[in-house]
Amino acid sequence: LSSPSTIWQWQRKFDLEGLSRLNRVRGNPKTMSKHKKVTKPTTAQIQARHDKDELKQLKQENKMLRIENEFLKKLDALDHEKSAHEKP
C-alpha cells in the first residue's frame, strides 16, 4: 500500500456505496461498442409470420366475398322487384 490513507479511503467508499464501489474499472473506457450479433429468425418465428400473413389475407378475402354476396343479393332483389312491377 502506498499510504495509510488508502485503507481509510477504501473504508469510506465501502461505507457510502457498498462493495460495488470498490470494484473500480481500470483503464480507459471503450469507445467502440461491440457489434451486435445478427440473429436469423427461427423456424417457429418464420412460421408464425407466415400464419399471420395468411390470416390477414384470408380475412381480406372473406371481407371481399361478403361484400360481393351482399351486392348479388341486392341485385337479385332489385331484379325481382322490377319483374314484379312488369307482370301486371
N, C-alpha and C. Protein backbone atom coordinates (compact mmCIF):
# COMPACT_ATOMS: atom_id res chain seq x y z
N LEU A 1 0.84 -1.18 0.00
CA LEU A 1 0.00 0.00 0.00
C LEU A 1 0.88 1.24 0.00
N SER A 2 0.48 2.20 -0.80
CA SER A 2 1.31 3.40 -0.93
C SER A 2 1.22 4.30 0.29
N SER A 3 0.06 4.35 0.94
CA SER A 3 -0.06 5.20 2.13
C SER A 3 -1.15 4.66 3.04
N PRO A 4 -1.09 5.00 4.31
CA PRO A 4 -2.12 4.52 5.25
C PRO A 4 -3.51 5.08 4.94
N SER A 5 -3.56 6.19 4.25
CA SER A 5 -4.86 6.78 3.95
C SER A 5 -5.63 5.96 2.90
N THR A 6 -4.94 5.08 2.20
CA THR A 6 -5.60 4.25 1.20
C THR A 6 -6.66 3.37 1.85
N ILE A 7 -6.34 2.77 2.96
CA ILE A 7 -7.30 1.92 3.67
C ILE A 7 -8.47 2.76 4.15
N TRP A 8 -8.20 3.95 4.63
CA TRP A 8 -9.26 4.84 5.07
C TRP A 8 -10.20 5.19 3.91
N GLN A 9 -9.63 5.45 2.71
CA GLN A 9 -10.44 5.76 1.53
C GLN A 9 -11.31 4.57 1.12
N TRP A 10 -10.72 3.38 1.18
CA TRP A 10 -11.49 2.17 0.84
C TRP A 10 -12.66 1.99 1.81
N GLN A 11 -12.37 2.20 3.10
CA GLN A 11 -13.41 2.05 4.12
C GLN A 11 -14.53 3.06 3.88
N ARG A 12 -14.18 4.27 3.55
CA ARG A 12 -15.16 5.33 3.30
C ARG A 12 -16.03 5.01 2.09
N LYS A 13 -15.39 4.56 0.98
CA LYS A 13 -16.13 4.18 -0.22
C LYS A 13 -17.09 3.03 0.07
N PHE A 14 -16.61 2.06 0.84
CA PHE A 14 -17.43 0.91 1.18
C PHE A 14 -18.63 1.33 2.02
N ASP A 15 -18.41 2.21 2.99
CA ASP A 15 -19.48 2.67 3.86
C ASP A 15 -20.52 3.47 3.08
N LEU A 16 -20.09 4.28 2.14
CA LEU A 16 -21.01 5.13 1.39
C LEU A 16 -21.78 4.38 0.31
N GLU A 17 -21.09 3.54 -0.47
CA GLU A 17 -21.73 2.96 -1.65
C GLU A 17 -21.69 1.44 -1.70
N GLY A 18 -21.09 0.81 -0.74
CA GLY A 18 -21.09 -0.64 -0.70
C GLY A 18 -19.95 -1.25 -1.48
N LEU A 19 -20.03 -2.56 -1.64
CA LEU A 19 -18.96 -3.33 -2.27
C LEU A 19 -18.77 -2.98 -3.74
N SER A 20 -19.84 -2.61 -4.41
CA SER A 20 -19.74 -2.31 -5.84
C SER A 20 -18.82 -1.12 -6.12
N ARG A 21 -18.71 -0.21 -5.18
CA ARG A 21 -17.84 0.96 -5.36
C ARG A 21 -16.37 0.58 -5.33
N LEU A 22 -16.04 -0.49 -4.62
CA LEU A 22 -14.64 -0.90 -4.53
C LEU A 22 -14.15 -1.58 -5.81
N ASN A 23 -15.06 -2.10 -6.60
CA ASN A 23 -14.69 -2.75 -7.85
C ASN A 23 -14.56 -1.69 -8.95
N ARG A 24 -13.49 -0.99 -8.93
CA ARG A 24 -13.25 0.10 -9.87
C ARG A 24 -12.79 -0.48 -11.20
N VAL A 25 -13.30 0.06 -12.28
CA VAL A 25 -12.88 -0.35 -13.61
C VAL A 25 -11.60 0.41 -13.93
N ARG A 26 -10.59 -0.34 -14.29
CA ARG A 26 -9.31 0.29 -14.59
C ARG A 26 -9.16 0.48 -16.09
N GLY A 27 -8.34 1.42 -16.48
CA GLY A 27 -8.06 1.66 -17.88
C GLY A 27 -9.04 2.63 -18.51
N ASN A 28 -8.82 2.89 -19.77
CA ASN A 28 -9.67 3.82 -20.50
C ASN A 28 -11.00 3.15 -20.85
N PRO A 29 -12.07 3.92 -20.87
CA PRO A 29 -13.34 3.34 -21.27
C PRO A 29 -13.32 3.00 -22.77
N LYS A 30 -14.04 1.96 -23.11
CA LYS A 30 -14.09 1.56 -24.51
C LYS A 30 -14.93 2.56 -25.28
N THR A 31 -14.40 3.01 -26.41
CA THR A 31 -15.11 4.00 -27.20
C THR A 31 -15.99 3.34 -28.25
N MET A 32 -15.63 2.16 -28.68
CA MET A 32 -16.42 1.47 -29.69
C MET A 32 -17.27 0.40 -29.03
N SER A 33 -18.51 0.35 -29.43
CA SER A 33 -19.37 -0.69 -28.87
C SER A 33 -19.14 -2.00 -29.63
N LYS A 34 -19.46 -3.07 -28.97
CA LYS A 34 -19.32 -4.37 -29.61
C LYS A 34 -20.39 -4.51 -30.69
N HIS A 35 -20.07 -5.26 -31.71
CA HIS A 35 -21.03 -5.49 -32.79
C HIS A 35 -22.15 -6.39 -32.27
N LYS A 36 -23.34 -6.04 -32.65
CA LYS A 36 -24.47 -6.86 -32.26
C LYS A 36 -24.54 -8.06 -33.20
N LYS A 37 -24.80 -9.19 -32.62
CA LYS A 37 -24.92 -10.39 -33.44
C LYS A 37 -26.24 -10.35 -34.18
N VAL A 38 -26.19 -10.61 -35.46
CA VAL A 38 -27.40 -10.67 -36.26
C VAL A 38 -27.95 -12.08 -36.14
N THR A 39 -29.13 -12.17 -35.59
CA THR A 39 -29.72 -13.49 -35.41
C THR A 39 -30.71 -13.76 -36.52
N LYS A 40 -30.64 -14.95 -37.04
CA LYS A 40 -31.59 -15.35 -38.06
C LYS A 40 -32.88 -15.76 -37.38
N PRO A 41 -34.00 -15.44 -38.00
CA PRO A 41 -35.26 -15.84 -37.38
C PRO A 41 -35.37 -17.37 -37.34
N THR A 42 -35.95 -17.85 -36.27
CA THR A 42 -36.10 -19.29 -36.13
C THR A 42 -37.25 -19.78 -37.00
N THR A 43 -37.31 -21.08 -37.16
CA THR A 43 -38.37 -21.68 -37.97
C THR A 43 -39.73 -21.34 -37.39
N ALA A 44 -39.83 -21.34 -36.07
CA ALA A 44 -41.10 -21.01 -35.42
C ALA A 44 -41.50 -19.56 -35.70
N GLN A 45 -40.52 -18.65 -35.69
CA GLN A 45 -40.82 -17.25 -35.97
C GLN A 45 -41.25 -17.07 -37.42
N ILE A 46 -40.59 -17.77 -38.33
CA ILE A 46 -40.95 -17.69 -39.74
C ILE A 46 -42.36 -18.23 -39.94
N GLN A 47 -42.65 -19.36 -39.30
CA GLN A 47 -43.98 -19.97 -39.42
C GLN A 47 -45.05 -19.04 -38.83
N ALA A 48 -44.75 -18.42 -37.70
CA ALA A 48 -45.71 -17.51 -37.07
C ALA A 48 -45.98 -16.31 -37.98
N ARG A 49 -44.94 -15.78 -38.59
CA ARG A 49 -45.11 -14.65 -39.51
C ARG A 49 -45.94 -15.07 -40.72
N HIS A 50 -45.65 -16.25 -41.24
CA HIS A 50 -46.39 -16.77 -42.39
C HIS A 50 -47.86 -16.96 -42.03
N ASP A 51 -48.12 -17.54 -40.85
CA ASP A 51 -49.50 -17.74 -40.41
C ASP A 51 -50.23 -16.42 -40.25
N LYS A 52 -49.53 -15.43 -39.72
CA LYS A 52 -50.13 -14.11 -39.52
C LYS A 52 -50.49 -13.48 -40.87
N ASP A 53 -49.58 -13.58 -41.83
CA ASP A 53 -49.84 -13.02 -43.15
C ASP A 53 -50.99 -13.75 -43.83
N GLU A 54 -51.02 -15.08 -43.68
CA GLU A 54 -52.08 -15.87 -44.30
C GLU A 54 -53.43 -15.52 -43.68
N LEU A 55 -53.46 -15.36 -42.36
CA LEU A 55 -54.70 -14.99 -41.68
C LEU A 55 -55.20 -13.63 -42.16
N LYS A 56 -54.28 -12.70 -42.31
CA LYS A 56 -54.65 -11.36 -42.79
C LYS A 56 -55.23 -11.45 -44.20
N GLN A 57 -54.60 -12.24 -45.05
CA GLN A 57 -55.06 -12.41 -46.42
C GLN A 57 -56.45 -13.07 -46.44
N LEU A 58 -56.65 -14.08 -45.62
CA LEU A 58 -57.94 -14.77 -45.58
C LEU A 58 -59.04 -13.86 -45.05
N LYS A 59 -58.72 -13.02 -44.08
CA LYS A 59 -59.72 -12.07 -43.58
C LYS A 59 -60.12 -11.08 -44.67
N GLN A 60 -59.13 -10.62 -45.43
CA GLN A 60 -59.41 -9.68 -46.52
C GLN A 60 -60.28 -10.36 -47.58
N GLU A 61 -59.93 -11.59 -47.92
CA GLU A 61 -60.71 -12.34 -48.92
C GLU A 61 -62.14 -12.57 -48.42
N ASN A 62 -62.29 -12.90 -47.14
CA ASN A 62 -63.61 -13.11 -46.55
C ASN A 62 -64.43 -11.83 -46.62
N LYS A 63 -63.81 -10.71 -46.34
CA LYS A 63 -64.49 -9.41 -46.39
C LYS A 63 -64.98 -9.12 -47.81
N MET A 64 -64.11 -9.38 -48.79
CA MET A 64 -64.49 -9.13 -50.18
C MET A 64 -65.64 -10.04 -50.62
N LEU A 65 -65.61 -11.29 -50.19
CA LEU A 65 -66.68 -12.23 -50.55
C LEU A 65 -68.00 -11.83 -49.89
N ARG A 66 -67.95 -11.32 -48.68
CA ARG A 66 -69.17 -10.85 -48.02
C ARG A 66 -69.76 -9.65 -48.78
N ILE A 67 -68.89 -8.74 -49.21
CA ILE A 67 -69.35 -7.58 -49.98
C ILE A 67 -69.97 -8.04 -51.29
N GLU A 68 -69.32 -8.96 -51.96
CA GLU A 68 -69.84 -9.48 -53.23
C GLU A 68 -71.18 -10.17 -53.01
N ASN A 69 -71.30 -10.94 -51.94
CA ASN A 69 -72.54 -11.64 -51.64
C ASN A 69 -73.68 -10.65 -51.39
N GLU A 70 -73.41 -9.61 -50.62
CA GLU A 70 -74.42 -8.57 -50.36
C GLU A 70 -74.83 -7.87 -51.66
N PHE A 71 -73.86 -7.60 -52.51
CA PHE A 71 -74.14 -6.95 -53.79
C PHE A 71 -75.06 -7.83 -54.64
N LEU A 72 -74.74 -9.11 -54.73
CA LEU A 72 -75.55 -10.02 -55.55
C LEU A 72 -76.96 -10.18 -54.97
N LYS A 73 -77.09 -10.19 -53.66
CA LYS A 73 -78.42 -10.26 -53.04
C LYS A 73 -79.23 -9.02 -53.38
N LYS A 74 -78.59 -7.87 -53.30
CA LYS A 74 -79.28 -6.61 -53.60
C LYS A 74 -79.68 -6.56 -55.07
N LEU A 75 -78.78 -7.01 -55.94
CA LEU A 75 -79.06 -7.03 -57.37
C LEU A 75 -80.23 -7.97 -57.67
N ASP A 76 -80.25 -9.12 -57.03
CA ASP A 76 -81.34 -10.08 -57.22
C ASP A 76 -82.65 -9.50 -56.71
N ALA A 77 -82.60 -8.80 -55.57
CA ALA A 77 -83.81 -8.19 -55.02
C ALA A 77 -84.34 -7.11 -55.95
N LEU A 78 -83.46 -6.31 -56.51
CA LEU A 78 -83.89 -5.26 -57.45
C LEU A 78 -84.46 -5.87 -58.72
N ASP A 79 -83.85 -6.93 -59.21
CA ASP A 79 -84.34 -7.61 -60.41
C ASP A 79 -85.70 -8.23 -60.14
N HIS A 80 -85.85 -8.83 -58.98
CA HIS A 80 -87.12 -9.45 -58.60
C HIS A 80 -88.21 -8.38 -58.47
N GLU A 81 -87.85 -7.23 -57.89
CA GLU A 81 -88.80 -6.12 -57.73
C GLU A 81 -89.20 -5.56 -59.09
N LYS A 82 -88.24 -5.45 -60.00
CA LYS A 82 -88.52 -4.92 -61.34
C LYS A 82 -89.44 -5.86 -62.10
N SER A 83 -89.18 -7.15 -62.02
CA SER A 83 -90.02 -8.11 -62.74
C SER A 83 -91.41 -8.19 -62.11
N ALA A 84 -91.54 -7.92 -60.82
CA ALA A 84 -92.85 -7.92 -60.16
C ALA A 84 -93.68 -6.74 -60.64
N HIS A 85 -93.06 -5.62 -60.94
CA HIS A 85 -93.78 -4.44 -61.43
C HIS A 85 -94.18 -4.60 -62.89
N GLU A 86 -93.46 -5.37 -63.66
CA GLU A 86 -93.75 -5.52 -65.09
C GLU A 86 -94.84 -6.53 -65.36
N LYS A 87 -95.10 -7.50 -64.49
CA LYS A 87 -96.06 -8.56 -64.73
C LYS A 87 -97.50 -8.07 -64.84
N PRO A 88 -98.01 -7.19 -64.04
CA PRO A 88 -99.45 -6.85 -64.14
C PRO A 88 -99.77 -6.09 -65.36
